[in-house]
Amino acid sequence: MEETKQTNQYLIPAAILIAGAFVAAALYFSGSAPAPVAVDAGNNQPAVAQQPEPTGSTDSVRPVTSEDHIKGNLDAPIKIVEYSDFECPFCKRFHDTMNEVMDKYGDSGEVAWVFRQFPLEQLHPVKAQAVAVASECAAEQGGNDTFWKFTDGYFDVTLTNNRTDIETVIPQLVKEAGLDQTAFQTCFESRKYDDHIAADIANAVETGGRGTPWSVMIGPDGTTYPINGAQPLAAVEQLISIAQKN
């Protein structure tokens, strides 16, 4: 009985929405931003909701620091900053693509992958925010490697579109990561990461994000490039090639 009570607590803080202005701004309709590479976008469009179209510039991307969740070398000349929703099916697909990118470009230090939060509460109520909080608490307790272990693990098992049984999945991932369950639960219920997640959402909007996944590639010379939706590996590689030449 106690275990059931504990797992049910994972839904409690997530039921309280983060700042309404940030969330409302983060949810946009499905107009596609101009992309620097030509791909078949039919099945790659980001998850979006009906809201007025924003304006924004990729140059507004928040500088990458050691405080970010980074897979790869912080000093990599090319950084791909992804704003993601844990319950978005397109994010699940793009997560696999980005792992392929890192398999090819990460070990050499050419590319770093930065993960930022962009839970779309209107599309994935409670759960997307809850998992975002859980991932931040995993990082707090276990560091960067634990964040990525949690994140990769969640995208491996999620059913997406708010169908994931997070009361089962989150405790299992916490256990697999070797985290202290009590300390994790305390962090999870504290709401201490609400402002951090809201700041990630605000920066996604500021850079022109209309939905998830939304990514900004930062080239060696500081030039920024939008990656809208779950673009395939070939498209990301073409953009990397363009950035390398500038």
Protein backbone atom coordinates (compact mmCIF):
# COMPACT_ATOMS: atom_id res chain seq x y z
CA MET A 1 0.00 0.00 0.00
CA GLU A 2 2.83 2.40 0.89
CA GLU A 3 4.55 1.74 -2.46
CA THR A 4 1.33 2.51 -4.36
CA LYS A 5 0.91 5.71 -2.40
CA GLN A 6 4.49 6.74 -3.19
CA THR A 7 4.26 6.14 -6.93
CA ASN A 8 0.97 8.02 -7.11
CA GLN A 9 2.80 11.07 -5.77
CA TYR A 10 4.63 11.43 -9.07
CA LEU A 11 1.49 12.98 -10.53
CA ILE A 12 0.85 15.51 -7.75
CA PRO A 13 3.26 18.38 -8.51
CA ALA A 14 2.80 17.98 -12.24
CA ALA A 15 -0.90 18.69 -11.91
CA ILE A 16 -0.04 22.28 -11.05
CA LEU A 17 0.67 24.10 -14.29
CA ILE A 18 3.79 26.20 -14.63
CA ALA A 19 3.41 29.88 -15.31
CA GLY A 20 0.47 30.21 -17.68
CA ALA A 21 2.05 32.87 -19.82
CA PHE A 22 5.05 30.67 -20.62
CA VAL A 23 2.95 27.64 -21.42
CA ALA A 24 0.48 29.52 -23.55
CA ALA A 25 3.32 31.08 -25.49
CA ALA A 26 4.94 27.71 -26.04
CA LEU A 27 2.00 26.18 -27.88
CA TYR A 28 1.72 27.13 -31.51
CA PHE A 29 -0.04 26.12 -34.69
CA SER A 30 1.66 24.05 -37.34
CA GLY A 31 3.17 26.63 -39.69
CA SER A 32 6.63 25.39 -40.61
CA ALA A 33 9.66 27.63 -40.14
CA PRO A 34 11.96 28.07 -43.12
CA ALA A 35 14.61 25.36 -43.05
CA PRO A 36 18.08 25.65 -44.57
CA VAL A 37 17.89 22.14 -46.04
CA ALA A 38 15.24 20.59 -48.27
CA VAL A 39 13.60 17.45 -46.90
CA ASP A 40 10.30 15.66 -47.13
CA ALA A 41 8.62 17.18 -44.10
CA GLY A 42 5.37 15.26 -44.43
CA ASN A 43 6.02 13.05 -41.41
CA ASN A 44 8.48 15.29 -39.63
CA GLN A 45 6.32 18.16 -38.43
CA PRO A 46 6.55 19.16 -34.77
CA ALA A 47 3.76 18.55 -32.29
CA VAL A 48 1.81 21.79 -32.06
CA ALA A 49 -1.40 23.27 -30.72
CA GLN A 50 -3.70 26.02 -31.94
CA GLN A 51 -2.23 29.38 -30.91
CA PRO A 52 -1.20 32.62 -32.66
CA GLU A 53 2.02 32.43 -34.65
CA PRO A 54 5.07 33.84 -32.84
CA THR A 55 8.05 35.75 -33.98
CA GLY A 56 11.56 34.96 -32.88
CA SER A 57 15.17 34.62 -33.90
CA THR A 58 17.45 31.63 -33.50
CA ASP A 59 20.15 34.10 -32.50
CA SER A 60 18.27 34.44 -29.22
CA VAL A 61 19.27 30.93 -28.18
CA ARG A 62 20.57 30.97 -24.62
CA PRO A 63 24.35 30.43 -24.49
CA VAL A 64 25.37 26.84 -23.79
CA THR A 65 27.17 26.38 -20.47
CA SER A 66 28.27 23.56 -18.19
CA GLU A 67 24.88 23.94 -16.45
CA ASP A 68 23.16 22.50 -19.53
CA HIS A 69 22.42 18.83 -20.14
CA ILE A 70 25.13 18.03 -22.69
CA LYS A 71 25.92 14.84 -24.55
CA GLY A 72 29.38 15.28 -26.04
CA ASN A 73 32.08 17.91 -25.57
CA LEU A 74 31.06 21.29 -24.17
CA ASP A 75 33.74 22.84 -26.38
CA ALA A 76 32.53 21.17 -29.59
CA PRO A 77 32.54 23.65 -32.49
CA ILE A 78 28.97 22.70 -33.41
CA LYS A 79 26.21 22.47 -30.82
CA ILE A 80 22.66 21.31 -31.44
CA VAL A 81 20.31 22.71 -28.82
CA GLU A 82 17.09 20.70 -28.75
CA TYR A 83 13.90 21.83 -27.00
CA SER A 84 11.95 18.65 -26.36
CA ASP A 85 8.74 17.21 -24.89
CA PHE A 86 9.08 13.75 -23.34
CA GLU A 87 5.59 12.72 -24.52
CA CYS A 88 5.92 13.96 -28.11
CA PRO A 89 6.10 11.16 -30.73
CA PHE A 90 8.19 13.34 -33.03
CA CYS A 91 10.63 13.99 -30.17
CA LYS A 92 10.96 10.24 -29.67
CA ARG A 93 11.85 9.86 -33.34
CA PHE A 94 14.27 12.78 -33.32
CA HIS A 95 15.89 11.49 -30.13
CA ASP A 96 16.91 8.37 -32.03
CA THR A 97 18.23 10.52 -34.88
CA MET A 98 20.29 12.64 -32.51
CA ASN A 99 21.79 9.55 -30.91
CA GLU A 100 22.86 8.53 -34.42
CA VAL A 101 24.38 11.98 -34.93
CA MET A 102 26.32 11.64 -31.70
CA ASP A 103 27.49 8.13 -32.58
CA LYS A 104 29.02 9.62 -35.73
CA TYR A 105 30.20 13.06 -34.58
CA GLY A 106 30.31 12.93 -30.79
CA ASP A 107 33.44 10.89 -30.09
CA SER A 108 35.52 13.13 -32.34
CA GLY A 109 34.26 16.20 -30.49
CA GLU A 110 32.76 17.74 -33.62
CA VAL A 111 29.18 17.99 -32.33
CA ALA A 112 27.59 18.37 -28.90
CA TRP A 113 23.91 17.78 -28.16
CA VAL A 114 22.17 20.03 -25.63
CA PHE A 115 18.78 19.01 -24.23
CA ARG A 116 16.34 21.65 -22.96
CA GLN A 117 12.77 21.27 -21.75
CA PHE A 118 9.72 22.18 -23.85
CA PRO A 119 6.73 20.29 -22.36
CA LEU A 120 3.52 21.12 -24.22
CA GLU A 121 0.96 21.08 -21.42
CA GLN A 122 -1.98 21.64 -23.74
CA LEU A 123 -1.13 18.55 -25.80
CA HIS A 124 0.34 16.33 -23.09
CA PRO A 125 -1.21 17.50 -19.80
CA VAL A 126 0.46 16.56 -16.51
CA LYS A 127 2.75 13.86 -17.89
CA ALA A 128 5.14 15.88 -20.07
CA GLN A 129 5.76 18.34 -17.24
CA ALA A 130 6.10 15.51 -14.70
CA VAL A 131 8.77 13.73 -16.73
CA ALA A 132 10.63 16.99 -17.34
CA VAL A 133 10.76 17.53 -13.57
CA ALA A 134 11.83 13.92 -13.02
CA SER A 135 14.69 14.27 -15.49
CA GLU A 136 15.93 17.40 -13.71
CA CYS A 137 15.80 15.63 -10.35
CA ALA A 138 17.70 12.69 -11.83
CA ALA A 139 20.37 15.12 -13.01
CA GLU A 140 20.52 16.83 -9.62
CA GLN A 141 21.06 13.54 -7.83
CA GLY A 142 23.25 11.68 -10.31
CA GLY A 143 24.79 14.28 -12.62
CA ASN A 144 24.89 14.64 -16.39
CA ASP A 145 25.38 10.95 -17.18
CA THR A 146 22.37 10.04 -15.06
CA PHE A 147 20.26 12.67 -16.83
CA TRP A 148 21.04 11.06 -20.18
CA LYS A 149 20.50 7.54 -18.83
CA PHE A 150 17.07 8.62 -17.59
CA THR A 151 16.25 10.50 -20.79
CA ASP A 152 17.38 7.76 -23.18
CA GLY A 153 15.56 5.20 -21.05
CA TYR A 154 12.32 7.16 -21.07
CA PHE A 155 12.31 7.70 -24.83
CA ASP A 156 13.00 3.98 -25.29
CA VAL A 157 9.82 2.97 -23.46
CA THR A 158 7.38 5.87 -23.81
CA LEU A 159 4.16 5.22 -25.72
CA THR A 160 4.01 9.01 -26.39
CA ASN A 161 0.97 11.28 -26.65
CA ASN A 162 0.23 11.07 -22.93
CA ARG A 163 -0.19 7.29 -22.91
CA THR A 164 2.90 6.39 -20.86
CA ASP A 165 2.25 4.93 -17.41
CA ILE A 166 4.60 7.32 -15.62
CA GLU A 167 3.64 5.97 -12.20
CA THR A 168 5.41 2.77 -13.22
CA VAL A 169 8.06 4.07 -15.62
CA ILE A 170 9.54 6.89 -13.53
CA PRO A 171 10.19 4.76 -10.40
CA GLN A 172 11.67 2.02 -12.57
CA LEU A 173 14.08 4.44 -14.27
CA VAL A 174 15.02 5.92 -10.90
CA LYS A 175 15.78 2.43 -9.62
CA GLU A 176 17.80 1.50 -12.72
CA ALA A 177 19.85 4.68 -12.33
CA GLY A 178 20.70 3.71 -8.77
CA LEU A 179 19.19 6.87 -7.29
CA ASP A 180 17.97 7.25 -3.74
CA GLN A 181 14.19 6.91 -3.99
CA THR A 182 13.43 9.12 -0.98
CA ALA A 183 15.74 11.94 -2.05
CA PHE A 184 14.37 11.76 -5.57
CA GLN A 185 10.78 11.94 -4.32
CA THR A 186 11.59 14.96 -2.17
CA CYS A 187 13.08 16.76 -5.18
CA PHE A 188 10.17 15.75 -7.39
CA GLU A 189 7.55 17.15 -5.01
CA SER A 190 9.43 20.36 -4.27
CA ARG A 191 8.54 22.19 -7.54
CA LYS A 192 12.09 23.58 -7.41
CA TYR A 193 12.55 23.10 -11.17
CA ASP A 194 9.36 24.81 -12.32
CA ASP A 195 11.17 28.10 -12.98
CA HIS A 196 14.01 26.35 -14.81
CA ILE A 197 11.59 24.51 -17.10
CA ALA A 198 9.61 27.72 -17.68
CA ALA A 199 12.86 29.46 -18.67
CA ASP A 200 13.61 26.71 -21.20
CA ILE A 201 10.11 27.08 -22.66
CA ALA A 202 10.50 30.85 -22.85
CA ASN A 203 13.82 30.53 -24.67
CA ALA A 204 12.33 28.03 -27.13
CA VAL A 205 9.62 30.56 -27.91
CA GLU A 206 12.11 33.41 -28.12
CA THR A 207 14.13 31.51 -30.72
CA GLY A 208 11.03 30.89 -32.84
CA GLY A 209 9.89 27.48 -31.60
CA ARG A 210 6.34 26.61 -32.63
CA GLY A 211 6.25 23.07 -31.29
CA THR A 212 8.38 20.05 -30.52
CA PRO A 213 10.96 19.03 -31.32
CA TRP A 214 12.47 22.42 -32.03
CA SER A 215 16.24 22.71 -32.31
CA VAL A 216 18.82 25.39 -32.98
CA MET A 217 22.23 24.47 -34.37
CA ILE A 218 25.06 26.81 -33.37
CA GLY A 219 27.97 26.77 -35.84
CA PRO A 220 31.68 27.33 -35.18
CA ASP A 221 31.37 31.02 -36.03
CA GLY A 222 28.23 31.51 -33.95
CA THR A 223 25.84 31.36 -36.89
CA THR A 224 22.55 29.73 -35.87
CA TYR A 225 20.38 27.41 -37.96
CA PRO A 226 16.81 26.23 -37.24
CA ILE A 227 15.90 22.54 -37.22
CA ASN A 228 12.12 22.33 -37.22
CA GLY A 229 10.52 19.00 -36.37
CA ALA A 230 11.89 15.45 -36.48
CA GLN A 231 14.24 15.92 -39.39
CA PRO A 232 16.02 12.75 -40.62
CA LEU A 233 19.70 12.03 -40.17
CA ALA A 234 20.56 13.06 -43.74
CA ALA A 235 19.08 16.53 -43.21
CA VAL A 236 20.94 17.07 -39.93
CA GLU A 237 24.19 15.90 -41.51
CA GLN A 238 23.72 18.27 -44.42
CA LEU A 239 23.25 21.13 -41.98
CA ILE A 240 26.37 20.09 -40.06
CA SER A 241 28.30 20.16 -43.33
CA ILE A 242 27.04 23.68 -44.09
CA ALA A 243 28.02 24.89 -40.61
CA GLN A 244 31.48 23.36 -40.89
CA LYS A 245 32.17 25.35 -44.05
CA ASN A 246 31.24 28.69 -42.53
